[in-house]
Amino acid sequence: MVRAATAHAEELRAGAELQHRFTTYADRYRQAVDSGDVEVLARTCPDKHGRWGRACLLDADHDAATSGLHWGLTPSGDPIAWVGSALDND
């Protein structure tokens, strides 16, 4: 349990650290949701975070450019970053 909490804290720290780099993706996602732009939503990364579900807001083909790094927002709006598939750590 402590290990999971530590990993989660690290993901949140990394997300906040990278927020300046990826904020435009969050803005684009929010705007697409608000306007119902399914074309933009369909181009968003399909990867999921084990705890938060669909959280990655980067482009669907970003893996090669970011070495498997995913970045997105938690349901409460906190930035989060992880590499590969994040296990369900609830």
PDB file of N, CA and C in Angstrom:
ATOM      1  N   MET A   1       0.820  -1.187   0.000  1.00  0.00           N
ATOM      2  CA  MET A   1       0.000   0.000   0.000  1.00  0.00           C
ATOM      3  C   MET A   1       0.868   1.257   0.000  1.00  0.00           C
ATOM      4  N   VAL A   2       1.943   1.258   0.776  1.00  0.00           N
ATOM      5  CA  VAL A   2       2.843   2.408   0.821  1.00  0.00           C
ATOM      6  C   VAL A   2       3.510   2.589  -0.538  1.00  0.00           C
ATOM      7  N   ARG A   3       3.871   1.480  -1.169  1.00  0.00           N
ATOM      8  CA  ARG A   3       4.504   1.534  -2.486  1.00  0.00           C
ATOM      9  C   ARG A   3       3.561   2.166  -3.514  1.00  0.00           C
ATOM     10  N   ALA A   4       2.295   1.773  -3.476  1.00  0.00           N
ATOM     11  CA  ALA A   4       1.305   2.333  -4.393  1.00  0.00           C
ATOM     12  C   ALA A   4       1.118   3.828  -4.141  1.00  0.00           C
ATOM     13  N   ALA A   5       1.082   4.228  -2.897  1.00  0.00           N
ATOM     14  CA  ALA A   5       0.921   5.644  -2.562  1.00  0.00           C
ATOM     15  C   ALA A   5       2.132   6.442  -3.022  1.00  0.00           C
ATOM     16  N   THR A   6       3.317   5.864  -2.876  1.00  0.00           N
ATOM     17  CA  THR A   6       4.533   6.534  -3.328  1.00  0.00           C
ATOM     18  C   THR A   6       4.544   6.678  -4.844  1.00  0.00           C
ATOM     19  N   ALA A   7       4.150   5.614  -5.559  1.00  0.00           N
ATOM     20  CA  ALA A   7       4.097   5.662  -7.018  1.00  0.00           C
ATOM     21  C   ALA A   7       3.076   6.707  -7.477  1.00  0.00           C
ATOM     22  N   HIS A   8       1.943   6.746  -6.825  1.00  0.00           N
ATOM     23  CA  HIS A   8       0.905   7.717  -7.179  1.00  0.00           C
ATOM     24  C   HIS A   8       1.407   9.145  -6.950  1.00  0.00           C
ATOM     25  N   ALA A   9       2.068   9.383  -5.833  1.00  0.00           N
ATOM     26  CA  ALA A   9       2.611  10.710  -5.545  1.00  0.00           C
ATOM     27  C   ALA A   9       3.641  11.111  -6.598  1.00  0.00           C
ATOM     28  N   GLU A  10       4.449  10.171  -7.042  1.00  0.00           N
ATOM     29  CA  GLU A  10       5.450  10.442  -8.073  1.00  0.00           C
ATOM     30  C   GLU A  10       4.782  10.774  -9.407  1.00  0.00           C
ATOM     31  N   GLU A  11       3.702  10.071  -9.749  1.00  0.00           N
ATOM     32  CA  GLU A  11       2.971  10.360 -10.984  1.00  0.00           C
ATOM     33  C   GLU A  11       2.371  11.765 -10.954  1.00  0.00           C
ATOM     34  N   LEU A  12       1.842  12.157  -9.817  1.00  0.00           N
ATOM     35  CA  LEU A  12       1.278  13.501  -9.675  1.00  0.00           C
ATOM     36  C   LEU A  12       2.371  14.561  -9.746  1.00  0.00           C
ATOM     37  N   ARG A  13       3.511  14.296  -9.112  1.00  0.00           N
ATOM     38  CA  ARG A  13       4.635  15.233  -9.156  1.00  0.00           C
ATOM     39  C   ARG A  13       5.120  15.414 -10.591  1.00  0.00           C
ATOM     40  N   ALA A  14       5.294  14.293 -11.294  1.00  0.00           N
ATOM     41  CA  ALA A  14       5.750  14.349 -12.685  1.00  0.00           C
ATOM     42  C   ALA A  14       4.726  15.066 -13.561  1.00  0.00           C
ATOM     43  N   GLY A  15       3.456  14.811 -13.324  1.00  0.00           N
ATOM     44  CA  GLY A  15       2.409  15.487 -14.093  1.00  0.00           C
ATOM     45  C   GLY A  15       2.460  16.982 -13.918  1.00  0.00           C
ATOM     46  N   ALA A  16       2.636  17.430 -12.680  1.00  0.00           N
ATOM     47  CA  ALA A  16       2.715  18.867 -12.405  1.00  0.00           C
ATOM     48  C   ALA A  16       3.971  19.464 -13.033  1.00  0.00           C
ATOM     49  N   GLU A  17       5.071  18.730 -12.985  1.00  0.00           N
ATOM     50  CA  GLU A  17       6.331  19.201 -13.547  1.00  0.00           C
ATOM     51  C   GLU A  17       6.241  19.370 -15.073  1.00  0.00           C
ATOM     52  N   LEU A  18       5.479  18.504 -15.726  1.00  0.00           N
ATOM     53  CA  LEU A  18       5.355  18.539 -17.184  1.00  0.00           C
ATOM     54  C   LEU A  18       4.161  19.355 -17.679  1.00  0.00           C
ATOM     55  N   GLN A  19       3.389  19.898 -16.768  1.00  0.00           N
ATOM     56  CA  GLN A  19       2.161  20.590 -17.144  1.00  0.00           C
ATOM     57  C   GLN A  19       2.407  21.710 -18.147  1.00  0.00           C
ATOM     58  N   HIS A  20       3.460  22.484 -17.968  1.00  0.00           N
ATOM     59  CA  HIS A  20       3.737  23.588 -18.890  1.00  0.00           C
ATOM     60  C   HIS A  20       3.949  23.089 -20.320  1.00  0.00           C
ATOM     61  N   ARG A  21       4.471  21.893 -20.463  1.00  0.00           N
ATOM     62  CA  ARG A  21       4.750  21.312 -21.785  1.00  0.00           C
ATOM     63  C   ARG A  21       3.479  20.808 -22.477  1.00  0.00           C
ATOM     64  N   PHE A  22       2.520  20.338 -21.692  1.00  0.00           N
ATOM     65  CA  PHE A  22       1.357  19.661 -22.262  1.00  0.00           C
ATOM     66  C   PHE A  22       0.018  20.357 -22.027  1.00  0.00           C
ATOM     67  N   THR A  23       0.011  21.544 -21.475  1.00  0.00           N
ATOM     68  CA  THR A  23      -1.238  22.252 -21.185  1.00  0.00           C
ATOM     69  C   THR A  23      -2.108  22.427 -22.425  1.00  0.00           C
ATOM     70  N   THR A  24      -1.511  22.633 -23.584  1.00  0.00           N
ATOM     71  CA  THR A  24      -2.309  22.823 -24.798  1.00  0.00           C
ATOM     72  C   THR A  24      -3.152  21.592 -25.110  1.00  0.00           C
ATOM     73  N   TYR A  25      -2.661  20.405 -24.740  1.00  0.00           N
ATOM     74  CA  TYR A  25      -3.439  19.180 -24.964  1.00  0.00           C
ATOM     75  C   TYR A  25      -4.669  19.152 -24.058  1.00  0.00           C
ATOM     76  N   ALA A  26      -4.506  19.584 -22.821  1.00  0.00           N
ATOM     77  CA  ALA A  26      -5.643  19.641 -21.899  1.00  0.00           C
ATOM     78  C   ALA A  26      -6.665  20.666 -22.381  1.00  0.00           C
ATOM     79  N   ASP A  27      -6.184  21.808 -22.841  1.00  0.00           N
ATOM     80  CA  ASP A  27      -7.088  22.838 -23.355  1.00  0.00           C
ATOM     81  C   ASP A  27      -7.848  22.326 -24.576  1.00  0.00           C
ATOM     82  N   ARG A  28      -7.135  21.664 -25.478  1.00  0.00           N
ATOM     83  CA  ARG A  28      -7.764  21.119 -26.689  1.00  0.00           C
ATOM     84  C   ARG A  28      -8.817  20.078 -26.314  1.00  0.00           C
ATOM     85  N   TYR A  29      -8.510  19.224 -25.346  1.00  0.00           N
ATOM     86  CA  TYR A  29      -9.440  18.184 -24.913  1.00  0.00           C
ATOM     87  C   TYR A  29     -10.703  18.800 -24.306  1.00  0.00           C
ATOM     88  N   ARG A  30     -10.515  19.757 -23.408  1.00  0.00           N
ATOM     89  CA  ARG A  30     -11.668  20.412 -22.773  1.00  0.00           C
ATOM     90  C   ARG A  30     -12.558  21.093 -23.816  1.00  0.00           C
ATOM     91  N   GLN A  31     -11.922  21.777 -24.770  1.00  0.00           N
ATOM     92  CA  GLN A  31     -12.679  22.459 -25.820  1.00  0.00           C
ATOM     93  C   GLN A  31     -13.434  21.442 -26.681  1.00  0.00           C
ATOM     94  N   ALA A  32     -12.796  20.307 -26.991  1.00  0.00           N
ATOM     95  CA  ALA A  32     -13.457  19.270 -27.796  1.00  0.00           C
ATOM     96  C   ALA A  32     -14.636  18.662 -27.046  1.00  0.00           C
ATOM     97  N   VAL A  33     -14.489  18.451 -25.754  1.00  0.00           N
ATOM     98  CA  VAL A  33     -15.590  17.919 -24.947  1.00  0.00           C
ATOM     99  C   VAL A  33     -16.738  18.927 -24.912  1.00  0.00           C
ATOM    100  N   ASP A  34     -16.401  20.185 -24.656  1.00  0.00           N
ATOM    101  CA  ASP A  34     -17.435  21.232 -24.570  1.00  0.00           C
ATOM    102  C   ASP A  34     -18.196  21.408 -25.877  1.00  0.00           C
ATOM    103  N   SER A  35     -17.490  21.283 -27.007  1.00  0.00           N
ATOM    104  CA  SER A  35     -18.126  21.511 -28.308  1.00  0.00           C
ATOM    105  C   SER A  35     -18.614  20.222 -28.963  1.00  0.00           C
ATOM    106  N   GLY A  36     -18.296  19.076 -28.358  1.00  0.00           N
ATOM    107  CA  GLY A  36     -18.711  17.801 -28.930  1.00  0.00           C
ATOM    108  C   GLY A  36     -17.940  17.429 -30.181  1.00  0.00           C
ATOM    109  N   ASP A  37     -16.688  17.865 -30.278  1.00  0.00           N
ATOM    110  CA  ASP A  37     -15.849  17.610 -31.449  1.00  0.00           C
ATOM    111  C   ASP A  37     -15.275  16.193 -31.374  1.00  0.00           C
ATOM    112  N   VAL A  38     -16.018  15.234 -31.910  1.00  0.00           N
ATOM    113  CA  VAL A  38     -15.601  13.834 -31.832  1.00  0.00           C
ATOM    114  C   VAL A  38     -14.361  13.546 -32.666  1.00  0.00           C
ATOM    115  N   GLU A  39     -14.113  14.333 -33.685  1.00  0.00           N
ATOM    116  CA  GLU A  39     -12.908  14.141 -34.501  1.00  0.00           C
ATOM    117  C   GLU A  39     -11.645  14.371 -33.663  1.00  0.00           C
ATOM    118  N   VAL A  40     -11.625  15.435 -32.900  1.00  0.00           N
ATOM    119  CA  VAL A  40     -10.486  15.714 -32.016  1.00  0.00           C
ATOM    120  C   VAL A  40     -10.400  14.646 -30.937  1.00  0.00           C
ATOM    121  N   LEU A  41     -11.514  14.284 -30.351  1.00  0.00           N
ATOM    122  CA  LEU A  41     -11.512  13.271 -29.289  1.00  0.00           C
ATOM    123  C   LEU A  41     -11.017  11.926 -29.809  1.00  0.00           C
ATOM    124  N   ALA A  42     -11.329  11.589 -31.046  1.00  0.00           N
ATOM    125  CA  ALA A  42     -10.891  10.320 -31.628  1.00  0.00           C
ATOM    126  C   ALA A  42      -9.387  10.285 -31.862  1.00  0.00           C
ATOM    127  N   ARG A  43      -8.760  11.438 -31.979  1.00  0.00           N
ATOM    128  CA  ARG A  43      -7.310  11.492 -32.197  1.00  0.00           C
ATOM    129  C   ARG A  43      -6.531  11.521 -30.887  1.00  0.00           C
ATOM    130  N   THR A  44      -7.219  11.434 -29.758  1.00  0.00           N
ATOM    131  CA  THR A  44      -6.576  11.460 -28.448  1.00  0.00           C
ATOM    132  C   THR A  44      -6.107  10.061 -28.071  1.00  0.00           C
ATOM    133  N   CYS A  45      -4.984   9.977 -27.385  1.00  0.00           N
ATOM    134  CA  CYS A  45      -4.391   8.703 -26.986  1.00  0.00           C
ATOM    135  C   CYS A  45      -5.425   7.804 -26.295  1.00  0.00           C
ATOM    136  N   PRO A  46      -5.512   6.541 -26.706  1.00  0.00           N
ATOM    137  CA  PRO A  46      -6.480   5.630 -26.090  1.00  0.00           C
ATOM    138  C   PRO A  46      -5.982   4.984 -24.795  1.00  0.00           C
ATOM    139  N   ASP A  47      -4.708   5.206 -24.425  1.00  0.00           N
ATOM    140  CA  ASP A  47      -4.179   4.557 -23.225  1.00  0.00           C
ATOM    141  C   ASP A  47      -4.888   5.038 -21.975  1.00  0.00           C
ATOM    142  N   LYS A  48      -4.968   4.139 -21.033  1.00  0.00           N
ATOM    143  CA  LYS A  48      -5.671   4.407 -19.787  1.00  0.00           C
ATOM    144  C   LYS A  48      -4.707   4.298 -18.615  1.00  0.00           C
ATOM    145  N   HIS A  49      -5.047   4.970 -17.565  1.00  0.00           N
ATOM    146  CA  HIS A  49      -4.314   4.868 -16.307  1.00  0.00           C
ATOM    147  C   HIS A  49      -5.117   3.931 -15.417  1.00  0.00           C
ATOM    148  N   GLY A  50      -4.472   2.987 -14.789  1.00  0.00           N
ATOM    149  CA  GLY A  50      -5.176   1.986 -14.000  1.00  0.00           C
ATOM    150  C   GLY A  50      -6.139   2.555 -12.976  1.00  0.00           C
ATOM    151  N   ARG A  51      -5.744   3.592 -12.296  1.00  0.00           N
ATOM    152  CA  ARG A  51      -6.587   4.163 -11.254  1.00  0.00           C
ATOM    153  C   ARG A  51      -7.626   5.127 -11.815  1.00  0.00           C
ATOM    154  N   TRP A  52      -7.253   5.907 -12.819  1.00  0.00           N
ATOM    155  CA  TRP A  52      -8.104   6.992 -13.275  1.00  0.00           C
ATOM    156  C   TRP A  52      -8.863   6.708 -14.554  1.00  0.00           C
ATOM    157  N   GLY A  53      -8.619   5.579 -15.181  1.00  0.00           N
ATOM    158  CA  GLY A  53      -9.305   5.310 -16.439  1.00  0.00           C
ATOM    159  C   GLY A  53      -8.675   6.104 -17.567  1.00  0.00           C
ATOM    160  N   ARG A  54      -9.483   6.605 -18.464  1.00  0.00           N
ATOM    161  CA  ARG A  54      -8.945   7.302 -19.630  1.00  0.00           C
ATOM    162  C   ARG A  54      -8.439   8.663 -19.220  1.00  0.00           C
ATOM    163  N   ALA A  55      -7.130   8.779 -19.093  1.00  0.00           N
ATOM    164  CA  ALA A  55      -6.561  10.021 -18.595  1.00  0.00           C
ATOM    165  C   ALA A  55      -5.583  10.678 -19.557  1.00  0.00           C
ATOM    166  N   CYS A  56      -4.944   9.920 -20.464  1.00  0.00           N
ATOM    167  CA  CYS A  56      -3.934  10.516 -21.338  1.00  0.00           C
ATOM    168  C   CYS A  56      -4.601  11.431 -22.360  1.00  0.00           C
ATOM    169  N   LEU A  57      -4.109  12.654 -22.446  1.00  0.00           N
ATOM    170  CA  LEU A  57      -4.693  13.652 -23.338  1.00  0.00           C
ATOM    171  C   LEU A  57      -3.803  13.969 -24.540  1.00  0.00           C
ATOM    172  N   LEU A  58      -2.704  13.241 -24.683  1.00  0.00           N
ATOM    173  CA  LEU A  58      -1.808  13.484 -25.805  1.00  0.00           C
ATOM    174  C   LEU A  58      -2.383  12.884 -27.083  1.00  0.00           C
ATOM    175  N   ASP A  59      -1.738  13.150 -28.213  1.00  0.00           N
ATOM    176  CA  ASP A  59      -2.180  12.582 -29.484  1.00  0.00           C
ATOM    177  C   ASP A  59      -2.008  11.066 -29.483  1.00  0.00           C
ATOM    178  N   ALA A  60      -2.835  10.386 -30.244  1.00  0.00           N
ATOM    179  CA  ALA A  60      -2.825   8.921 -30.286  1.00  0.00           C
ATOM    180  C   ALA A  60      -1.480   8.351 -30.704  1.00  0.00           C
ATOM    181  N   ASP A  61      -0.716   9.055 -31.512  1.00  0.00           N
ATOM    182  CA  ASP A  61       0.558   8.528 -32.000  1.00  0.00           C
ATOM    183  C   ASP A  61       1.770   9.094 -31.256  1.00  0.00           C
ATOM    184  N   HIS A  62       1.600   9.530 -30.036  1.00  0.00           N
ATOM    185  CA  HIS A  62       2.676  10.201 -29.312  1.00  0.00           C
ATOM    186  C   HIS A  62       3.734   9.263 -28.752  1.00  0.00           C
ATOM    187  N   ASP A  63       3.487   7.977 -28.630  1.00  0.00           N
ATOM    188  CA  ASP A  63       4.402   7.063 -27.948  1.00  0.00           C
ATOM    189  C   ASP A  63       5.853   7.151 -28.421  1.00  0.00           C
ATOM    190  N   ALA A  64       6.077   7.174 -29.715  1.00  0.00           N
ATOM    191  CA  ALA A  64       7.444   7.213 -30.229  1.00  0.00           C
ATOM    192  C   ALA A  64       8.151   8.511 -29.835  1.00  0.00           C
ATOM    193  N   ALA A  65       7.425   9.615 -29.860  1.00  0.00           N
ATOM    194  CA  ALA A  65       8.023  10.911 -29.553  1.00  0.00           C
ATOM    195  C   ALA A  65       8.263  11.123 -28.063  1.00  0.00           C
ATOM    196  N   THR A  66       7.515  10.436 -27.220  1.00  0.00           N
ATOM    197  CA  THR A  66       7.627  10.666 -25.774  1.00  0.00           C
ATOM    198  C   THR A  66       8.157   9.450 -25.018  1.00  0.00           C
ATOM    199  N   SER A  67       8.671   8.461 -25.728  1.00  0.00           N
ATOM    200  CA  SER A  67       9.214   7.246 -25.100  1.00  0.00           C
ATOM    201  C   SER A  67       8.216   6.571 -24.168  1.00  0.00           C
ATOM    202  N   GLY A  68       6.977   6.537 -24.568  1.00  0.00           N
ATOM    203  CA  GLY A  68       5.950   5.861 -23.783  1.00  0.00           C
ATOM    204  C   GLY A  68       5.372   6.669 -22.640  1.00  0.00           C
ATOM    205  N   LEU A  69       5.774   7.928 -22.524  1.00  0.00           N
ATOM    206  CA  LEU A  69       5.252   8.793 -21.474  1.00  0.00           C
ATOM    207  C   LEU A  69       3.820   9.188 -21.810  1.00  0.00           C
ATOM    208  N   HIS A  70       2.956   9.092 -20.830  1.00  0.00           N
ATOM    209  CA  HIS A  70       1.576   9.544 -20.964  1.00  0.00           C
ATOM    210  C   HIS A  70       1.367  10.701 -19.997  1.00  0.00           C
ATOM    211  N   TRP A  71       0.545  11.656 -20.399  1.00  0.00           N
ATOM    212  CA  TRP A  71       0.241  12.803 -19.552  1.00  0.00           C
ATOM    213  C   TRP A  71      -1.234  13.116 -19.680  1.00  0.00           C
ATOM    214  N   GLY A  72      -1.850  13.447 -18.568  1.00  0.00           N
ATOM    215  CA  GLY A  72      -3.264  13.790 -18.599  1.00  0.00           C
ATOM    216  C   GLY A  72      -3.711  14.405 -17.298  1.00  0.00           C
ATOM    217  N   LEU A  73      -4.991  14.292 -17.042  1.00  0.00           N
ATOM    218  CA  LEU A  73      -5.588  14.871 -15.850  1.00  0.00           C
ATOM    219  C   LEU A  73      -6.397  13.822 -15.112  1.00  0.00           C
ATOM    220  N   THR A  74      -6.367  13.891 -13.805  1.00  0.00           N
ATOM    221  CA  THR A  74      -7.204  13.027 -12.991  1.00  0.00           C
ATOM    222  C   THR A  74      -8.630  13.580 -13.028  1.00  0.00           C
ATOM    223  N   PRO A  75      -9.615  12.833 -12.554  1.00  0.00           N
ATOM    224  CA  PRO A  75     -10.988  13.357 -12.532  1.00  0.00           C
ATOM    225  C   PRO A  75     -11.127  14.673 -11.754  1.00  0.00           C
ATOM    226  N   SER A  76     -10.243  14.904 -10.800  1.00  0.00           N
ATOM    227  CA  SER A  76     -10.307  16.161 -10.037  1.00  0.00           C
ATOM    228  C   SER A  76      -9.527  17.282 -10.715  1.00  0.00           C
ATOM    229  N   GLY A  77      -8.908  16.989 -11.881  1.00  0.00           N
ATOM    230  CA  GLY A  77      -8.208  18.021 -12.634  1.00  0.00           C
ATOM    231  C   GLY A  77      -6.731  18.140 -12.349  1.00  0.00           C
ATOM    232  N   ASP A  78      -6.183  17.259 -11.520  1.00  0.00           N
ATOM    233  CA  ASP A  78      -4.754  17.302 -11.225  1.00  0.00           C
ATOM    234  C   ASP A  78      -3.970  16.693 -12.384  1.00  0.00           C
ATOM    235  N   PRO A  79      -2.871  17.319 -12.801  1.00  0.00           N
ATOM    236  CA  PRO A  79      -2.058  16.731 -13.858  1.00  0.00           C
ATOM    237  C   PRO A  79      -1.366  15.469 -13.354  1.00  0.00           C
ATOM    238  N   ILE A  80      -1.233  14.481 -14.241  1.00  0.00           N
ATOM    239  CA  ILE A  80      -0.605  13.217 -13.877  1.00  0.00           C
ATOM    240  C   ILE A  80       0.193  12.703 -15.075  1.00  0.00           C
ATOM    241  N   ALA A  81       1.320  12.078 -14.817  1.00  0.00           N
ATOM    242  CA  ALA A  81       2.149  11.526 -15.887  1.00  0.00           C
ATOM    243  C   ALA A  81       2.602  10.130 -15.481  1.00  0.00           C
ATOM    244  N   TRP A  82       2.693   9.232 -16.463  1.00  0.00           N
ATOM    245  CA  TRP A  82       3.160   7.878 -16.204  1.00  0.00           C
ATOM    246  C   TRP A  82       3.762   7.308 -17.478  1.00  0.00           C
ATOM    247  N   VAL A  83       4.569   6.273 -17.329  1.00  0.00           N
ATOM    248  CA  VAL A  83       5.199   5.608 -18.466  1.00  0.00           C
ATOM    249  C   VAL A  83       4.574   4.228 -18.620  1.00  0.00           C
ATOM    250  N   GLY A  84       4.235   3.875 -19.844  1.00  0.00           N
ATOM    251  CA  GLY A  84       3.645   2.557 -20.098  1.00  0.00           C
ATOM    252  C   GLY A  84       2.245   2.466 -19.537  1.00  0.00           C
ATOM    253  N   SER A  85       1.862   1.272 -19.177  1.00  0.00           N
ATOM    254  CA  SER A  85       0.544   1.046 -18.604  1.00  0.00           C
ATOM    255  C   SER A  85       0.622   1.151 -17.094  1.00  0.00           C
ATOM    256  N   ALA A  86      -0.177   2.020 -16.527  1.00  0.00           N
ATOM    257  CA  ALA A  86      -0.227   2.162 -15.070  1.00  0.00           C
ATOM    258  C   ALA A  86      -1.182   1.123 -14.515  1.00  0.00           C
ATOM    259  N   LEU A  87      -0.695   0.328 -13.593  1.00  0.00           N
ATOM    260  CA  LEU A  87      -1.525  -0.728 -13.007  1.00  0.00           C
ATOM    261  C   LEU A  87      -2.613  -0.122 -12.128  1.00  0.00           C
ATOM    262  N   ASP A  88      -3.667  -0.872 -11.963  1.00  0.00           N
ATOM    263  CA  ASP A  88      -4.743  -0.456 -11.065  1.00  0.00           C
ATOM    264  C   ASP A  88      -4.211  -0.577  -9.648  1.00  0.00           C
ATOM    265  N   ASN A  89      -3.984   0.536  -9.006  1.00  0.00           N
ATOM    266  CA  ASN A  89      -3.387   0.512  -7.674  1.00  0.00           C
ATOM    267  C   ASN A  89      -4.357   0.966  -6.597  1.00  0.00           C
ATOM    268  N   ASP A  90      -5.624   0.751  -6.810  1.00  0.00           N
ATOM    269  CA  ASP A  90      -6.621   1.039  -5.764  1.00  0.00           C
ATOM    270  C   ASP A  90      -6.578  -0.003  -4.691  1.00  0.00           C
TER     271      ASP A  90
END
